[in-house]
Amino acid sequence: MSPVSKRRILAGLIGAGIQASRTPALHEREGDAQGLRYLYRLIDLDQLQTDTRALPDLLMAAEQMNFTGLNITYPCKQAILPLLDELSPEARGIGAVNTVVLCDGKRIGHNTDCLGFAEGFRRGLSDVARTFVVQMGAGGAGAAVAHALLGEGVERLSIFDVDAERARSLADNLNQHFGAGRAQAGNDLESAMAEADGLVNTTPMGMAKLPGIPVPLGTLRADLWVAEIVYFPLETELLRNARALGCRTLDGGNMAVFQAVKAFELFSGEVADAERMLAHFRSMNI
């Protein structure tokens, strides 16, 4: 297909505190490389001084302005579900959406976070022990990561969240998909950390706008592997402390890139060059 005949893509990201996002540059640079007319815009709830209650109006406005699709991030990945017409099997199973394709008057929700995290995990932590893992966070990103972890062979997953009912609900969903006893809502973090092979942070804590560490520093130890989904900054406080102890670590960069690869393909209908997008992401974080 010649560049002239390729589709024009107008995409965006809805979320809170997203000004530092690398996603627009990832999409637009790959679009340039493929000869596409590809524009990607940030729709920041913080800058708009609003919250998830604005989602119905934002979706309607995107449709009126002929957006091709939208990425969805914190804190909207579950709040957006009732506003969609269809869900992909992955999004339905996970119960969260990070990509919405706007096509023929329909809003179709997808989840590319799960495969994004799984790809990063395979690349960075393929040989780690996975008998028992602690996950912090049970929100939209947490649901996708939990599905990825169990799909990648984690035997037991203990999920902690500030909302205990949300953690229980996610554990129930996982056990229905992967078998009884594979997941549980955690209730004693220090004991779980003492037993765990690995720790995964899926909360927004560690983002530039939400600094901090999601577990007590004293629960980290050298033989623990630690994975993060926050990617700005690429080295969060959690990862910095874990690396200082000698832990194997995985930053949020791979998940950010590989979820974007699939979203690009859903929006454009073209095959993305994953290695080129990964190289571009790394060049932005040197």
C-alpha atoms as a PDB file:
ATOM      1  CA  MET A   1       0.000   0.000   0.000  1.00  0.00           C
ATOM      2  CA  SER A   2       1.459   3.382  -0.948  1.00  0.00           C
ATOM      3  CA  PRO A   3       1.822   6.098   1.707  1.00  0.00           C
ATOM      4  CA  VAL A   4      -0.806   8.192  -0.065  1.00  0.00           C
ATOM      5  CA  SER A   5      -3.437   5.475   0.221  1.00  0.00           C
ATOM      6  CA  LYS A   6      -2.681   4.480   3.795  1.00  0.00           C
ATOM      7  CA  ARG A   7      -5.189   5.477   6.453  1.00  0.00           C
ATOM      8  CA  ARG A   8      -4.869   8.619   8.528  1.00  0.00           C
ATOM      9  CA  ILE A   9      -4.750   7.735  12.202  1.00  0.00           C
ATOM     10  CA  LEU A  10      -5.848  10.017  15.024  1.00  0.00           C
ATOM     11  CA  ALA A  11      -5.340   8.361  18.394  1.00  0.00           C
ATOM     12  CA  GLY A  12      -5.103   9.470  22.001  1.00  0.00           C
ATOM     13  CA  LEU A  13      -4.428   8.473  25.583  1.00  0.00           C
ATOM     14  CA  ILE A  14      -6.904   9.110  28.395  1.00  0.00           C
ATOM     15  CA  GLY A  15      -5.513   9.066  31.920  1.00  0.00           C
ATOM     16  CA  ALA A  16      -4.445  11.152  34.898  1.00  0.00           C
ATOM     17  CA  GLY A  17      -1.000  12.720  35.196  1.00  0.00           C
ATOM     18  CA  ILE A  18       0.194  11.483  31.805  1.00  0.00           C
ATOM     19  CA  GLN A  19       2.259  14.414  30.534  1.00  0.00           C
ATOM     20  CA  ALA A  20       5.469  12.374  30.790  1.00  0.00           C
ATOM     21  CA  SER A  21       4.032   9.483  28.744  1.00  0.00           C
ATOM     22  CA  ARG A  22       6.265   8.060  26.021  1.00  0.00           C
ATOM     23  CA  THR A  23       3.270   6.531  24.232  1.00  0.00           C
ATOM     24  CA  PRO A  24       2.593   9.393  21.780  1.00  0.00           C
ATOM     25  CA  ALA A  25       6.189   9.391  20.565  1.00  0.00           C
ATOM     26  CA  LEU A  26       6.213   5.595  20.214  1.00  0.00           C
ATOM     27  CA  HIS A  27       3.095   5.596  18.054  1.00  0.00           C
ATOM     28  CA  GLU A  28       3.958   8.633  15.957  1.00  0.00           C
ATOM     29  CA  ARG A  29       7.544   7.532  15.270  1.00  0.00           C
ATOM     30  CA  GLU A  30       6.381   4.081  14.139  1.00  0.00           C
ATOM     31  CA  GLY A  31       3.722   5.756  12.021  1.00  0.00           C
ATOM     32  CA  ASP A  32       6.388   7.948  10.390  1.00  0.00           C
ATOM     33  CA  ALA A  33       8.536   4.884   9.683  1.00  0.00           C
ATOM     34  CA  GLN A  34       5.601   3.260   7.909  1.00  0.00           C
ATOM     35  CA  GLY A  35       4.593   6.331   5.916  1.00  0.00           C
ATOM     36  CA  LEU A  36       1.388   6.824   7.871  1.00  0.00           C
ATOM     37  CA  ARG A  37      -0.208  10.135   8.777  1.00  0.00           C
ATOM     38  CA  TYR A  38      -0.375   9.346  12.459  1.00  0.00           C
ATOM     39  CA  LEU A  39      -1.243  11.826  15.208  1.00  0.00           C
ATOM     40  CA  TYR A  40      -1.420  10.865  18.869  1.00  0.00           C
ATOM     41  CA  ARG A  41      -2.762  13.204  21.545  1.00  0.00           C
ATOM     42  CA  LEU A  42      -2.784  13.220  25.355  1.00  0.00           C
ATOM     43  CA  ILE A  43      -6.116  13.676  27.143  1.00  0.00           C
ATOM     44  CA  ASP A  44      -4.967  14.313  30.709  1.00  0.00           C
ATOM     45  CA  LEU A  45      -7.691  14.294  33.371  1.00  0.00           C
ATOM     46  CA  ASP A  46      -5.431  16.224  35.746  1.00  0.00           C
ATOM     47  CA  GLN A  47      -4.841  19.012  33.242  1.00  0.00           C
ATOM     48  CA  LEU A  48      -8.550  19.094  32.453  1.00  0.00           C
ATOM     49  CA  GLN A  49      -9.220  19.266  36.214  1.00  0.00           C
ATOM     50  CA  THR A  50     -11.645  16.367  36.061  1.00  0.00           C
ATOM     51  CA  ASP A  51     -11.830  12.628  36.811  1.00  0.00           C
ATOM     52  CA  THR A  52     -13.348   9.405  35.471  1.00  0.00           C
ATOM     53  CA  ARG A  53     -16.812  10.973  35.512  1.00  0.00           C
ATOM     54  CA  ALA A  54     -15.755  12.817  32.350  1.00  0.00           C
ATOM     55  CA  LEU A  55     -15.263   9.574  30.408  1.00  0.00           C
ATOM     56  CA  PRO A  56     -18.704   9.575  28.701  1.00  0.00           C
ATOM     57  CA  ASP A  57     -18.140  13.096  27.360  1.00  0.00           C
ATOM     58  CA  LEU A  58     -14.549  12.400  26.351  1.00  0.00           C
ATOM     59  CA  LEU A  59     -15.541   9.285  24.405  1.00  0.00           C
ATOM     60  CA  MET A  60     -18.343  11.125  22.650  1.00  0.00           C
ATOM     61  CA  ALA A  61     -16.001  13.989  21.756  1.00  0.00           C
ATOM     62  CA  ALA A  62     -13.421  11.546  20.389  1.00  0.00           C
ATOM     63  CA  GLU A  63     -16.077   9.974  18.166  1.00  0.00           C
ATOM     64  CA  GLN A  64     -17.246  13.372  16.947  1.00  0.00           C
ATOM     65  CA  MET A  65     -13.652  14.313  16.061  1.00  0.00           C
ATOM     66  CA  ASN A  66     -13.162  11.035  14.159  1.00  0.00           C
ATOM     67  CA  PHE A  67     -10.551   9.513  16.448  1.00  0.00           C
ATOM     68  CA  THR A  68      -9.450   6.071  15.265  1.00  0.00           C
ATOM     69  CA  GLY A  69      -8.951   4.843  18.797  1.00  0.00           C
ATOM     70  CA  LEU A  70      -7.892   5.587  22.349  1.00  0.00           C
ATOM     71  CA  ASN A  71      -5.505   4.101  24.829  1.00  0.00           C
ATOM     72  CA  ILE A  72      -6.768   4.055  28.398  1.00  0.00           C
ATOM     73  CA  THR A  73      -4.618   4.234  31.496  1.00  0.00           C
ATOM     74  CA  TYR A  74      -4.849   4.868  35.243  1.00  0.00           C
ATOM     75  CA  PRO A  75      -7.444   5.402  36.662  1.00  0.00           C
ATOM     76  CA  CYS A  76      -9.822   4.582  33.801  1.00  0.00           C
ATOM     77  CA  LYS A  77      -9.185   0.963  32.758  1.00  0.00           C
ATOM     78  CA  GLN A  78     -12.191  -0.447  34.596  1.00  0.00           C
ATOM     79  CA  ALA A  79     -14.336   2.678  34.773  1.00  0.00           C
ATOM     80  CA  ILE A  80     -14.576   2.695  30.981  1.00  0.00           C
ATOM     81  CA  LEU A  81     -16.092  -0.799  30.700  1.00  0.00           C
ATOM     82  CA  PRO A  82     -19.793   0.220  30.930  1.00  0.00           C
ATOM     83  CA  LEU A  83     -19.285   2.770  28.157  1.00  0.00           C
ATOM     84  CA  LEU A  84     -18.175   0.262  25.509  1.00  0.00           C
ATOM     85  CA  ASP A  85     -20.217  -1.688  22.955  1.00  0.00           C
ATOM     86  CA  GLU A  86     -17.994  -4.765  22.661  1.00  0.00           C
ATOM     87  CA  LEU A  87     -15.063  -6.365  24.447  1.00  0.00           C
ATOM     88  CA  SER A  88     -12.392  -8.628  23.021  1.00  0.00           C
ATOM     89  CA  PRO A  89     -12.153 -12.045  24.707  1.00  0.00           C
ATOM     90  CA  GLU A  90      -8.975 -10.907  26.507  1.00  0.00           C
ATOM     91  CA  ALA A  91     -10.554  -7.729  27.821  1.00  0.00           C
ATOM     92  CA  ARG A  92     -13.677  -9.592  28.942  1.00  0.00           C
ATOM     93  CA  GLY A  93     -11.668 -12.242  30.755  1.00  0.00           C
ATOM     94  CA  ILE A  94      -9.388  -9.720  32.443  1.00  0.00           C
ATOM     95  CA  GLY A  95     -12.124  -7.227  33.259  1.00  0.00           C
ATOM     96  CA  ALA A  96     -10.100  -4.207  32.154  1.00  0.00           C
ATOM     97  CA  VAL A  97      -9.478  -2.258  28.938  1.00  0.00           C
ATOM     98  CA  ASN A  98      -6.441  -0.256  27.880  1.00  0.00           C
ATOM     99  CA  THR A  99      -7.260   0.140  24.161  1.00  0.00           C
ATOM    100  CA  VAL A 100     -10.516   1.231  22.528  1.00  0.00           C
ATOM    101  CA  VAL A 101     -10.992   1.019  18.769  1.00  0.00           C
ATOM    102  CA  LEU A 102     -13.628   3.400  17.410  1.00  0.00           C
ATOM    103  CA  CYS A 103     -15.014   1.841  14.243  1.00  0.00           C
ATOM    104  CA  ASP A 104     -18.340   2.071  12.392  1.00  0.00           C
ATOM    105  CA  GLY A 105     -20.046   3.748  15.316  1.00  0.00           C
ATOM    106  CA  LYS A 106     -18.909   1.116  17.815  1.00  0.00           C
ATOM    107  CA  ARG A 107     -16.519   1.290  20.755  1.00  0.00           C
ATOM    108  CA  ILE A 108     -14.578  -1.957  20.953  1.00  0.00           C
ATOM    109  CA  GLY A 109     -12.454  -2.557  24.031  1.00  0.00           C
ATOM    110  CA  HIS A 110      -9.208  -4.544  24.008  1.00  0.00           C
ATOM    111  CA  ASN A 111      -6.524  -5.370  26.553  1.00  0.00           C
ATOM    112  CA  THR A 112      -2.929  -5.292  25.312  1.00  0.00           C
ATOM    113  CA  ASP A 113      -1.397  -4.914  28.802  1.00  0.00           C
ATOM    114  CA  CYS A 114      -1.492  -8.658  29.474  1.00  0.00           C
ATOM    115  CA  LEU A 115       0.547  -9.661  26.435  1.00  0.00           C
ATOM    116  CA  GLY A 116       2.764  -6.606  26.950  1.00  0.00           C
ATOM    117  CA  PHE A 117       3.765  -7.664  30.455  1.00  0.00           C
ATOM    118  CA  ALA A 118       4.103 -11.324  29.442  1.00  0.00           C
ATOM    119  CA  GLU A 119       6.520 -10.434  26.636  1.00  0.00           C
ATOM    120  CA  GLY A 120       8.641  -8.340  28.967  1.00  0.00           C
ATOM    121  CA  PHE A 121       8.630 -11.081  31.595  1.00  0.00           C
ATOM    122  CA  ARG A 122       9.768 -13.680  29.056  1.00  0.00           C
ATOM    123  CA  ARG A 123      12.564 -11.393  27.891  1.00  0.00           C
ATOM    124  CA  GLY A 124      13.810 -10.246  31.282  1.00  0.00           C
ATOM    125  CA  LEU A 125      12.928 -12.888  33.875  1.00  0.00           C
ATOM    126  CA  SER A 126      12.429 -16.099  31.927  1.00  0.00           C
ATOM    127  CA  ASP A 127      14.439 -18.301  34.296  1.00  0.00           C
ATOM    128  CA  VAL A 128      13.249 -17.037  37.704  1.00  0.00           C
ATOM    129  CA  ALA A 129      11.516 -19.145  40.351  1.00  0.00           C
ATOM    130  CA  ARG A 130       7.752 -18.712  40.248  1.00  0.00           C
ATOM    131  CA  THR A 131       6.306 -20.943  42.963  1.00  0.00           C
ATOM    132  CA  PHE A 132       4.866 -18.014  44.936  1.00  0.00           C
ATOM    133  CA  VAL A 133       4.635 -14.360  43.895  1.00  0.00           C
ATOM    134  CA  VAL A 134       3.316 -11.259  45.655  1.00  0.00           C
ATOM    135  CA  GLN A 135       1.509  -8.678  43.547  1.00  0.00           C
ATOM    136  CA  MET A 136       0.784  -5.176  44.772  1.00  0.00           C
ATOM    137  CA  GLY A 137      -2.354  -3.745  43.193  1.00  0.00           C
ATOM    138  CA  ALA A 138      -5.611  -5.180  41.883  1.00  0.00           C
ATOM    139  CA  GLY A 139      -6.771  -2.415  39.554  1.00  0.00           C
ATOM    140  CA  GLY A 140      -7.027  -2.507  35.784  1.00  0.00           C
ATOM    141  CA  ALA A 141      -3.314  -2.941  35.161  1.00  0.00           C
ATOM    142  CA  GLY A 142      -3.104  -5.377  38.074  1.00  0.00           C
ATOM    143  CA  ALA A 143      -5.790  -7.587  36.570  1.00  0.00           C
ATOM    144  CA  ALA A 144      -3.911  -7.797  33.265  1.00  0.00           C
ATOM    145  CA  VAL A 145      -0.557  -8.488  34.935  1.00  0.00           C
ATOM    146  CA  ALA A 146      -2.057 -11.151  37.201  1.00  0.00           C
ATOM    147  CA  HIS A 147      -3.461 -12.987  34.166  1.00  0.00           C
ATOM    148  CA  ALA A 148      -0.036 -12.728  32.523  1.00  0.00           C
ATOM    149  CA  LEU A 149       1.788 -14.044  35.605  1.00  0.00           C
ATOM    150  CA  LEU A 150      -0.421 -17.103  35.953  1.00  0.00           C
ATOM    151  CA  GLY A 151      -0.235 -17.654  32.211  1.00  0.00           C
ATOM    152  CA  GLU A 152       3.559 -17.581  32.487  1.00  0.00           C
ATOM    153  CA  GLY A 153       3.582 -20.353  35.078  1.00  0.00           C
ATOM    154  CA  VAL A 154       3.386 -18.647  38.470  1.00  0.00           C
ATOM    155  CA  GLU A 155       1.933 -21.367  40.701  1.00  0.00           C
ATOM    156  CA  ARG A 156       0.437 -19.182  43.442  1.00  0.00           C
ATOM    157  CA  LEU A 157      -0.219 -15.444  43.409  1.00  0.00           C
ATOM    158  CA  SER A 158      -1.011 -13.374  46.512  1.00  0.00           C
ATOM    159  CA  ILE A 159      -2.645 -10.023  45.678  1.00  0.00           C
ATOM    160  CA  PHE A 160      -2.603  -7.002  47.979  1.00  0.00           C
ATOM    161  CA  ASP A 161      -4.632  -3.853  47.404  1.00  0.00           C
ATOM    162  CA  VAL A 162      -5.781  -0.896  49.508  1.00  0.00           C
ATOM    163  CA  ASP A 163      -9.300  -2.095  48.590  1.00  0.00           C
ATOM    164  CA  ALA A 164      -9.456  -5.616  50.047  1.00  0.00           C
ATOM    165  CA  GLU A 165     -12.688  -6.419  48.212  1.00  0.00           C
ATOM    166  CA  ARG A 166     -11.084  -5.544  44.883  1.00  0.00           C
ATOM    167  CA  ALA A 167      -8.231  -7.947  45.653  1.00  0.00           C
ATOM    168  CA  ARG A 168     -10.708 -10.711  46.543  1.00  0.00           C
ATOM    169  CA  SER A 169     -12.702 -10.096  43.375  1.00  0.00           C
ATOM    170  CA  LEU A 170      -9.586 -10.325  41.199  1.00  0.00           C
ATOM    171  CA  ALA A 171      -8.469 -13.514  42.961  1.00  0.00           C
ATOM    172  CA  ASP A 172     -11.895 -15.059  42.340  1.00  0.00           C
ATOM    173  CA  ASN A 173     -11.714 -14.128  38.654  1.00  0.00           C
ATOM    174  CA  LEU A 174      -8.240 -15.650  38.336  1.00  0.00           C
ATOM    175  CA  ASN A 175      -9.235 -18.882  40.061  1.00  0.00           C
ATOM    176  CA  GLN A 176     -12.155 -19.270  37.657  1.00  0.00           C
ATOM    177  CA  HIS A 177      -9.773 -18.942  34.710  1.00  0.00           C
ATOM    178  CA  PHE A 178      -6.705 -20.783  35.980  1.00  0.00           C
ATOM    179  CA  GLY A 179      -7.983 -23.188  38.630  1.00  0.00           C
ATOM    180  CA  ALA A 180      -8.853 -23.083  42.333  1.00  0.00           C
ATOM    181  CA  GLY A 181      -6.120 -21.961  44.674  1.00  0.00           C
ATOM    182  CA  ARG A 182      -3.902 -20.267  42.087  1.00  0.00           C
ATOM    183  CA  ALA A 183      -4.656 -16.792  43.447  1.00  0.00           C
ATOM    184  CA  GLN A 184      -5.599 -15.346  46.800  1.00  0.00           C
ATOM    185  CA  ALA A 185      -6.213 -11.952  48.353  1.00  0.00           C
ATOM    186  CA  GLY A 186      -3.302 -11.348  50.712  1.00  0.00           C
ATOM    187  CA  ASN A 187      -3.768 -10.370  54.335  1.00  0.00           C
ATOM    188  CA  ASP A 188      -0.264 -10.516  55.864  1.00  0.00           C
ATOM    189  CA  LEU A 189       2.216  -8.725  53.633  1.00  0.00           C
ATOM    190  CA  GLU A 190       5.340  -9.330  55.710  1.00  0.00           C
ATOM    191  CA  SER A 191       4.719 -13.086  55.914  1.00  0.00           C
ATOM    192  CA  ALA A 192       3.920 -13.275  52.199  1.00  0.00           C
ATOM    193  CA  MET A 193       7.068 -11.351  51.300  1.00  0.00           C
ATOM    194  CA  ALA A 194       9.182 -13.664  53.450  1.00  0.00           C
ATOM    195  CA  GLU A 195       7.896 -16.652  51.441  1.00  0.00           C
ATOM    196  CA  ALA A 196       7.779 -15.069  47.969  1.00  0.00           C
ATOM    197  CA  ASP A 197      10.057 -15.780  45.029  1.00  0.00           C
ATOM    198  CA  GLY A 198       9.075 -12.523  43.365  1.00  0.00           C
ATOM    199  CA  LEU A 199       7.307  -9.189  43.807  1.00  0.00           C
ATOM    200  CA  VAL A 200       5.376  -7.305  41.138  1.00  0.00           C
ATOM    201  CA  ASN A 201       4.186  -3.720  41.581  1.00  0.00           C
ATOM    202  CA  THR A 202       1.113  -2.858  39.527  1.00  0.00           C
ATOM    203  CA  THR A 203       0.089   0.176  41.595  1.00  0.00           C
ATOM    204  CA  PRO A 204       0.830   3.713  40.357  1.00  0.00           C
ATOM    205  CA  MET A 205       3.154   4.225  43.329  1.00  0.00           C
ATOM    206  CA  GLY A 206       6.568   5.081  41.975  1.00  0.00           C
ATOM    207  CA  MET A 207       5.281   7.304  39.176  1.00  0.00           C
ATOM    208  CA  ALA A 208       6.757  10.787  39.036  1.00  0.00           C
ATOM    209  CA  LYS A 209       3.465  12.152  40.384  1.00  0.00           C
ATOM    210  CA  LEU A 210       3.111   9.435  43.065  1.00  0.00           C
ATOM    211  CA  PRO A 211       6.574   8.834  44.552  1.00  0.00           C
ATOM    212  CA  GLY A 212       7.131   6.112  47.113  1.00  0.00           C
ATOM    213  CA  ILE A 213       7.560   2.373  47.486  1.00  0.00           C
ATOM    214  CA  PRO A 214       4.602  -0.052  47.706  1.00  0.00           C
ATOM    215  CA  VAL A 215       6.105  -2.418  50.302  1.00  0.00           C
ATOM    216  CA  PRO A 216       8.126  -1.834  53.479  1.00  0.00           C
ATOM    217  CA  LEU A 217      11.791  -1.540  52.556  1.00  0.00           C
ATOM    218  CA  GLY A 218      12.703  -4.194  55.109  1.00  0.00           C
ATOM    219  CA  THR A 219      10.708  -6.849  53.248  1.00  0.00           C
ATOM    220  CA  LEU A 220      13.070  -6.753  50.249  1.00  0.00           C
ATOM    221  CA  ARG A 221      15.926  -9.248  50.157  1.00  0.00           C
ATOM    222  CA  ALA A 222      18.658 -10.219  47.699  1.00  0.00           C
ATOM    223  CA  ASP A 223      17.104 -13.498  46.486  1.00  0.00           C
ATOM    224  CA  LEU A 224      13.792 -11.836  45.542  1.00  0.00           C
ATOM    225  CA  TRP A 225      13.093 -10.839  41.948  1.00  0.00           C
ATOM    226  CA  VAL A 226      11.192  -7.588  41.495  1.00  0.00           C
ATOM    227  CA  ALA A 227       9.123  -6.422  38.507  1.00  0.00           C
ATOM    228  CA  GLU A 228       7.604  -3.003  37.937  1.00  0.00           C
ATOM    229  CA  ILE A 229       5.038  -1.655  35.475  1.00  0.00           C
ATOM    230  CA  VAL A 230       5.708   2.035  36.124  1.00  0.00           C
ATOM    231  CA  TYR A 231       8.098   3.304  33.443  1.00  0.00           C
ATOM    232  CA  PHE A 232       8.419   7.001  34.174  1.00  0.00           C
ATOM    233  CA  PRO A 233      10.779   7.151  35.862  1.00  0.00           C
ATOM    234  CA  LEU A 234      12.239   3.945  34.435  1.00  0.00           C
ATOM    235  CA  GLU A 235      14.077   3.333  37.709  1.00  0.00           C
ATOM    236  CA  THR A 236      11.477   3.709  40.430  1.00  0.00           C
ATOM    237  CA  GLU A 237      12.318   3.913  44.109  1.00  0.00           C
ATOM    238  CA  LEU A 238      11.311   0.250  44.409  1.00  0.00           C
ATOM    239  CA  LEU A 239      13.694  -0.850  41.658  1.00  0.00           C
ATOM    240  CA  ARG A 240      16.527   1.328  42.936  1.00  0.00           C
ATOM    241  CA  ASN A 241      16.319  -0.220  46.403  1.00  0.00           C
ATOM    242  CA  ALA A 242      15.905  -3.742  45.022  1.00  0.00           C
ATOM    243  CA  ARG A 243      18.951  -3.393  42.763  1.00  0.00           C
ATOM    244  CA  ALA A 244      21.006  -2.056  45.660  1.00  0.00           C
ATOM    245  CA  LEU A 245      20.293  -5.334  47.464  1.00  0.00           C
ATOM    246  CA  GLY A 246      21.268  -7.398  44.431  1.00  0.00           C
ATOM    247  CA  CYS A 247      17.751  -8.411  43.325  1.00  0.00           C
ATOM    248  CA  ARG A 248      16.968  -9.440  39.729  1.00  0.00           C
ATOM    249  CA  THR A 249      14.706  -6.700  38.397  1.00  0.00           C
ATOM    250  CA  LEU A 250      12.448  -5.889  35.451  1.00  0.00           C
ATOM    251  CA  ASP A 251      11.476  -2.301  34.708  1.00  0.00           C
ATOM    252  CA  GLY A 252       8.217  -1.198  33.134  1.00  0.00           C
ATOM    253  CA  GLY A 253       9.707  -0.377  29.749  1.00  0.00           C
ATOM    254  CA  ASN A 254       9.016  -3.647  27.960  1.00  0.00           C
ATOM    255  CA  MET A 255       5.377  -3.706  29.013  1.00  0.00           C
ATOM    256  CA  ALA A 256       5.001  -0.097  27.856  1.00  0.00           C
ATOM    257  CA  VAL A 257       6.471  -0.911  24.461  1.00  0.00           C
ATOM    258  CA  PHE A 258       4.784  -4.238  23.757  1.00  0.00           C
ATOM    259  CA  GLN A 259       1.314  -3.076  24.768  1.00  0.00           C
ATOM    260  CA  ALA A 260       1.909  -0.133  22.412  1.00  0.00           C
ATOM    261  CA  VAL A 261       2.962  -2.474  19.595  1.00  0.00           C
ATOM    262  CA  LYS A 262      -0.398  -4.254  19.698  1.00  0.00           C
ATOM    263  CA  ALA A 263      -2.366  -1.024  20.143  1.00  0.00           C
ATOM    264  CA  PHE A 264      -0.603   0.452  17.106  1.00  0.00           C
ATOM    265  CA  GLU A 265      -1.660  -2.569  15.067  1.00  0.00           C
ATOM    266  CA  LEU A 266      -5.260  -2.319  16.275  1.00  0.00           C
ATOM    267  CA  PHE A 267      -5.429   1.370  15.364  1.00  0.00           C
ATOM    268  CA  SER A 268      -3.568   1.271  12.052  1.00  0.00           C
ATOM    269  CA  GLY A 269      -4.201  -2.187  10.639  1.00  0.00           C
ATOM    270  CA  GLU A 270      -0.457  -2.379   9.929  1.00  0.00           C
ATOM    271  CA  VAL A 271       2.127  -4.713  11.457  1.00  0.00           C
ATOM    272  CA  ALA A 272       4.358  -2.801  13.882  1.00  0.00           C
ATOM    273  CA  ASP A 273       8.120  -3.323  14.031  1.00  0.00           C
ATOM    274  CA  ALA A 274       8.461  -4.277  17.701  1.00  0.00           C
ATOM    275  CA  GLU A 275      12.255  -4.110  17.785  1.00  0.00           C
ATOM    276  CA  ARG A 276      12.228  -0.660  16.194  1.00  0.00           C
ATOM    277  CA  MET A 277       9.696   0.575  18.762  1.00  0.00           C
ATOM    278  CA  LEU A 278      11.758  -0.936  21.599  1.00  0.00           C
ATOM    279  CA  ALA A 279      14.913   0.767  20.303  1.00  0.00           C
ATOM    280  CA  HIS A 280      13.056   4.088  20.072  1.00  0.00           C
ATOM    281  CA  PHE A 281      11.774   3.731  23.630  1.00  0.00           C
ATOM    282  CA  ARG A 282      15.282   3.047  24.909  1.00  0.00           C
ATOM    283  CA  SER A 283      16.636   6.059  23.033  1.00  0.00           C
ATOM    284  CA  MET A 284      14.135   8.270  24.869  1.00  0.00           C
ATOM    285  CA  ASN A 285      15.285   6.961  28.244  1.00  0.00           C
ATOM    286  CA  ILE A 286      19.058   7.269  27.918  1.00  0.00           C
END
